[in-house]
């Protein structure tokens, strides 16, 4: 089995999201500790990020919880 062509391709069900090999129960959803560590390193370096939208408070809108 081959790895996803690029990081934007979703992994196949039951496949490691890093290399595309079948998952192993002990490291699920990865196939090995190495792939789990690669994923963790990507989070630590900021390659992965959860998008967030911060709302700007207008002058007429008080923040909740403030008096």
N, C-alpha and C. Protein backbone atom coordinates (compact mmCIF):
# COMPACT_ATOMS: atom_id res chain seq x y z
N UNK A 1 0.84 -1.18 0.00
CA UNK A 1 0.00 0.00 0.00
C UNK A 1 0.88 1.24 0.00
N UNK A 2 0.43 2.25 -0.69
CA UNK A 2 1.27 3.44 -0.80
C UNK A 2 0.76 4.54 0.13
N UNK A 3 1.65 5.47 0.38
CA UNK A 3 1.33 6.61 1.24
C UNK A 3 0.43 7.58 0.48
N UNK A 4 -0.31 8.42 1.20
CA UNK A 4 -1.08 9.44 0.52
C UNK A 4 -0.15 10.29 -0.35
N UNK A 5 -0.64 10.72 -1.53
CA UNK A 5 0.21 11.47 -2.45
C UNK A 5 0.72 12.77 -1.86
N UNK A 6 -0.11 13.45 -1.09
CA UNK A 6 0.36 14.65 -0.40
C UNK A 6 -0.42 14.81 0.89
N UNK A 7 -0.03 15.78 1.70
CA UNK A 7 -0.64 15.94 3.02
C UNK A 7 -2.11 16.33 2.95
N UNK A 8 -2.57 16.79 1.80
CA UNK A 8 -3.96 17.22 1.68
C UNK A 8 -4.90 16.06 1.34
N UNK A 9 -4.34 14.93 0.89
CA UNK A 9 -5.17 13.78 0.58
C UNK A 9 -5.61 13.10 1.87
N UNK A 10 -6.91 12.82 2.04
CA UNK A 10 -7.33 12.14 3.26
C UNK A 10 -6.85 10.69 3.25
N UNK A 11 -6.48 10.16 4.41
CA UNK A 11 -6.05 8.76 4.46
C UNK A 11 -7.23 7.83 4.23
N UNK A 12 -6.94 6.64 3.73
CA UNK A 12 -7.99 5.64 3.55
C UNK A 12 -8.44 5.14 4.91
N UNK A 13 -9.69 4.71 5.02
CA UNK A 13 -10.14 4.16 6.30
C UNK A 13 -9.27 2.97 6.70
N UNK A 14 -8.82 2.96 7.94
CA UNK A 14 -7.98 1.88 8.43
C UNK A 14 -6.53 1.99 8.01
N UNK A 15 -6.17 3.14 7.41
CA UNK A 15 -4.79 3.34 6.97
C UNK A 15 -4.14 4.41 7.83
N UNK A 16 -2.86 4.26 8.05
CA UNK A 16 -2.08 5.24 8.81
C UNK A 16 -2.11 6.58 8.08
N UNK A 17 -2.45 7.66 8.77
CA UNK A 17 -2.52 8.96 8.10
C UNK A 17 -1.14 9.50 7.69
N UNK A 18 -0.06 8.92 8.20
CA UNK A 18 1.28 9.38 7.86
C UNK A 18 1.82 8.64 6.64
N UNK A 19 1.79 7.31 6.66
CA UNK A 19 2.41 6.54 5.58
C UNK A 19 1.45 5.71 4.74
N UNK A 20 0.21 5.54 5.21
CA UNK A 20 -0.78 4.80 4.43
C UNK A 20 -0.82 3.31 4.69
N UNK A 21 0.08 2.79 5.54
CA UNK A 21 0.06 1.36 5.87
C UNK A 21 -1.13 1.05 6.78
N UNK A 22 -1.52 -0.22 6.90
CA UNK A 22 -2.62 -0.58 7.80
C UNK A 22 -2.30 -0.19 9.24
N UNK A 23 -3.30 0.21 9.98
CA UNK A 23 -3.09 0.62 11.37
C UNK A 23 -2.85 -0.59 12.26
N UNK A 24 -2.21 -0.32 13.40
CA UNK A 24 -1.95 -1.34 14.42
C UNK A 24 -2.69 -0.87 15.67
N UNK A 25 -3.43 -1.77 16.29
CA UNK A 25 -4.27 -1.42 17.43
C UNK A 25 -3.50 -0.66 18.51
N UNK A 26 -2.29 -1.05 18.81
CA UNK A 26 -1.50 -0.42 19.88
C UNK A 26 -1.16 1.04 19.56
N UNK A 27 -1.12 1.40 18.28
CA UNK A 27 -0.73 2.76 17.89
C UNK A 27 -1.83 3.48 17.12
N UNK A 28 -3.03 2.94 17.13
CA UNK A 28 -4.14 3.48 16.36
C UNK A 28 -4.29 4.97 16.57
N UNK A 29 -4.44 5.79 15.57
CA UNK A 29 -4.72 5.47 14.16
C UNK A 29 -3.48 5.29 13.31
N UNK A 30 -2.33 5.12 13.92
CA UNK A 30 -1.08 4.98 13.19
C UNK A 30 -0.68 3.52 13.06
N UNK A 31 0.36 3.27 12.26
CA UNK A 31 0.84 1.90 12.07
C UNK A 31 2.00 1.57 13.00
N UNK A 32 2.65 2.60 13.56
CA UNK A 32 3.83 2.37 14.39
C UNK A 32 4.07 3.57 15.30
N UNK A 33 4.95 3.37 16.27
CA UNK A 33 5.34 4.47 17.14
C UNK A 33 6.03 5.57 16.34
N UNK A 34 6.81 5.18 15.33
CA UNK A 34 7.49 6.16 14.50
C UNK A 34 6.49 7.12 13.85
N UNK A 35 5.44 6.59 13.24
CA UNK A 35 4.45 7.45 12.59
C UNK A 35 3.71 8.31 13.61
N UNK A 36 3.43 7.76 14.79
CA UNK A 36 2.80 8.55 15.85
C UNK A 36 3.71 9.70 16.26
N UNK A 37 5.01 9.43 16.35
CA UNK A 37 5.98 10.47 16.71
C UNK A 37 6.11 11.52 15.61
N UNK A 38 6.04 11.11 14.36
CA UNK A 38 6.08 12.07 13.24
C UNK A 38 4.89 13.01 13.34
N UNK A 39 3.71 12.46 13.62
CA UNK A 39 2.51 13.27 13.76
C UNK A 39 2.64 14.25 14.93
N UNK A 40 3.14 13.79 16.06
CA UNK A 40 3.32 14.64 17.23
C UNK A 40 4.30 15.77 16.93
N UNK A 41 5.38 15.46 16.25
CA UNK A 41 6.37 16.47 15.89
C UNK A 41 5.75 17.53 14.97
N UNK A 42 4.87 17.12 14.08
CA UNK A 42 4.20 18.09 13.19
C UNK A 42 3.33 19.05 13.99
N UNK A 43 2.67 18.56 15.03
CA UNK A 43 1.88 19.45 15.90
C UNK A 43 2.80 20.41 16.64
N UNK A 44 3.90 19.89 17.20
CA UNK A 44 4.82 20.72 17.99
C UNK A 44 5.45 21.83 17.17
N UNK A 45 5.75 21.56 15.90
CA UNK A 45 6.41 22.57 15.07
C UNK A 45 5.44 23.52 14.39
N UNK A 46 4.14 23.30 14.57
CA UNK A 46 3.16 24.20 13.99
C UNK A 46 2.75 23.86 12.57
N UNK A 47 3.21 22.73 12.05
CA UNK A 47 2.80 22.33 10.70
C UNK A 47 1.30 22.06 10.67
N UNK A 48 0.79 21.49 11.74
CA UNK A 48 -0.66 21.32 11.89
C UNK A 48 -1.14 22.45 12.80
N UNK A 49 -2.32 22.94 12.53
CA UNK A 49 -2.90 23.96 13.38
C UNK A 49 -4.42 23.86 13.28
N UNK A 50 -5.07 24.14 14.38
CA UNK A 50 -6.52 24.17 14.41
C UNK A 50 -6.94 25.61 14.11
N UNK A 51 -7.70 25.83 13.02
CA UNK A 51 -8.08 27.19 12.70
C UNK A 51 -9.02 27.78 13.75
N UNK A 52 -8.83 29.04 14.02
CA UNK A 52 -9.67 29.73 15.01
C UNK A 52 -10.04 31.09 14.46
N UNK A 53 -11.24 31.51 14.76
CA UNK A 53 -11.69 32.83 14.37
C UNK A 53 -11.95 33.61 15.65
N UNK A 54 -11.19 34.66 15.84
CA UNK A 54 -11.38 35.48 17.02
C UNK A 54 -12.31 36.63 16.66
N UNK A 55 -13.33 36.79 17.47
CA UNK A 55 -14.27 37.87 17.23
C UNK A 55 -13.77 39.14 17.90
N UNK A 56 -13.93 40.23 17.19
CA UNK A 56 -13.54 41.51 17.75
C UNK A 56 -14.72 42.07 18.54
N UNK A 57 -14.46 42.55 19.74
CA UNK A 57 -15.51 43.16 20.54
C UNK A 57 -15.67 44.60 20.09
N UNK A 58 -16.89 44.95 19.75
CA UNK A 58 -17.17 46.32 19.36
C UNK A 58 -17.34 47.19 20.60
N UNK A 59 -17.26 48.50 20.46
CA UNK A 59 -17.39 49.39 21.62
C UNK A 59 -18.79 49.35 22.25
N UNK A 60 -19.80 48.96 21.47
CA UNK A 60 -21.17 48.93 22.00
C UNK A 60 -21.53 47.56 22.56
N UNK A 61 -20.66 46.59 22.40
CA UNK A 61 -20.98 45.24 22.85
C UNK A 61 -20.09 44.87 24.04
N UNK A 62 -20.65 44.86 25.26
CA UNK A 62 -19.84 44.47 26.42
C UNK A 62 -19.55 42.98 26.36
N UNK A 63 -18.37 42.58 26.88
CA UNK A 63 -18.02 41.18 26.95
C UNK A 63 -18.89 40.50 28.00
N UNK A 64 -19.24 39.25 27.75
CA UNK A 64 -20.02 38.51 28.71
C UNK A 64 -19.22 38.27 29.98
N UNK A 65 -19.89 38.35 31.10
CA UNK A 65 -19.24 38.08 32.38
C UNK A 65 -18.61 39.31 33.01
N UNK A 66 -18.51 40.39 32.29
CA UNK A 66 -17.96 41.62 32.84
C UNK A 66 -19.08 42.52 33.31
N UNK A 67 -18.86 43.27 34.34
CA UNK A 67 -19.88 44.18 34.85
C UNK A 67 -19.46 45.61 34.69
